[in-house]
Amino acid sequence: MVAEHGGLTLAEARSALRAHSALDGHRLLDIAQALVDHALAPDSVLTEDR
């Protein structure tokens, strides 16, 4: 979802998710679930400093 939205490779998308998770203080699983549930927009993950 993040890779497609941001035009990233899967590795880049995973790095963005991990960075967002670390900065936000939530588990990676929780970030992924929020994306699937549309409770978190992909743009919010992609705008973090990677």
C-alpha atoms as a PDB file:
ATOM      1  CA  MET A   1       0.000   0.000   0.000  1.00  0.00           C
ATOM      2  CA  VAL A   2       2.736   2.464   0.968  1.00  0.00           C
ATOM      3  CA  ALA A   3       5.025   1.350  -1.854  1.00  0.00           C
ATOM      4  CA  GLU A   4       2.319   1.774  -4.473  1.00  0.00           C
ATOM      5  CA  HIS A   5       1.133   5.115  -3.093  1.00  0.00           C
ATOM      6  CA  GLY A   6       4.620   6.570  -2.880  1.00  0.00           C
ATOM      7  CA  GLY A   7       6.175   4.946  -5.919  1.00  0.00           C
ATOM      8  CA  LEU A   8       8.709   3.169  -3.709  1.00  0.00           C
ATOM      9  CA  THR A   9      10.350  -0.213  -3.801  1.00  0.00           C
ATOM     10  CA  LEU A  10       9.199  -2.676  -1.156  1.00  0.00           C
ATOM     11  CA  ALA A  11      12.455  -2.151   0.745  1.00  0.00           C
ATOM     12  CA  GLU A  12      11.969   1.627   0.756  1.00  0.00           C
ATOM     13  CA  ALA A  13       8.359   1.259   1.895  1.00  0.00           C
ATOM     14  CA  ARG A  14       9.415  -1.054   4.711  1.00  0.00           C
ATOM     15  CA  SER A  15      12.046   1.461   5.809  1.00  0.00           C
ATOM     16  CA  ALA A  16       9.444   4.227   5.796  1.00  0.00           C
ATOM     17  CA  LEU A  17       7.076   2.095   7.894  1.00  0.00           C
ATOM     18  CA  ARG A  18       9.830   1.225  10.360  1.00  0.00           C
ATOM     19  CA  ALA A  19      10.898   4.879  10.656  1.00  0.00           C
ATOM     20  CA  HIS A  20       7.316   6.007  11.220  1.00  0.00           C
ATOM     21  CA  SER A  21       6.845   3.270  13.806  1.00  0.00           C
ATOM     22  CA  ALA A  22      10.002   4.281  15.675  1.00  0.00           C
ATOM     23  CA  LEU A  23       9.174   7.987  15.641  1.00  0.00           C
ATOM     24  CA  ASP A  24       5.542   7.423  16.574  1.00  0.00           C
ATOM     25  CA  GLY A  25       6.316   4.952  19.348  1.00  0.00           C
ATOM     26  CA  HIS A  26       3.935   2.298  18.028  1.00  0.00           C
ATOM     27  CA  ARG A  27       4.608  -1.255  16.922  1.00  0.00           C
ATOM     28  CA  LEU A  28       5.131  -1.791  13.205  1.00  0.00           C
ATOM     29  CA  LEU A  29       2.138  -4.133  13.231  1.00  0.00           C
ATOM     30  CA  ASP A  30      -0.072  -1.375  14.658  1.00  0.00           C
ATOM     31  CA  ILE A  31       1.042   1.064  11.930  1.00  0.00           C
ATOM     32  CA  ALA A  32       0.352  -1.523   9.218  1.00  0.00           C
ATOM     33  CA  GLN A  33      -3.086  -2.303  10.657  1.00  0.00           C
ATOM     34  CA  ALA A  34      -3.951   1.404  10.834  1.00  0.00           C
ATOM     35  CA  LEU A  35      -3.065   1.724   7.151  1.00  0.00           C
ATOM     36  CA  VAL A  36      -5.272  -1.241   6.240  1.00  0.00           C
ATOM     37  CA  ASP A  37      -8.130   0.149   8.351  1.00  0.00           C
ATOM     38  CA  HIS A  38      -7.713   3.586   6.703  1.00  0.00           C
ATOM     39  CA  ALA A  39      -7.147   5.098  10.143  1.00  0.00           C
ATOM     40  CA  LEU A  40      -3.715   6.279   8.957  1.00  0.00           C
ATOM     41  CA  ALA A  41      -3.057   7.834   5.567  1.00  0.00           C
ATOM     42  CA  PRO A  42      -0.083   6.582   3.538  1.00  0.00           C
ATOM     43  CA  ASP A  43       1.042  10.199   3.141  1.00  0.00           C
ATOM     44  CA  SER A  44       1.634  10.441   6.880  1.00  0.00           C
ATOM     45  CA  VAL A  45       4.103   7.551   6.662  1.00  0.00           C
ATOM     46  CA  LEU A  46       5.797   8.953   3.589  1.00  0.00           C
ATOM     47  CA  THR A  47       6.304  12.467   4.949  1.00  0.00           C
ATOM     48  CA  GLU A  48       8.517  11.269   7.815  1.00  0.00           C
ATOM     49  CA  ASP A  49      12.243  11.754   7.433  1.00  0.00           C
ATOM     50  CA  ARG A  50      13.514   8.520   5.925  1.00  0.00           C
END
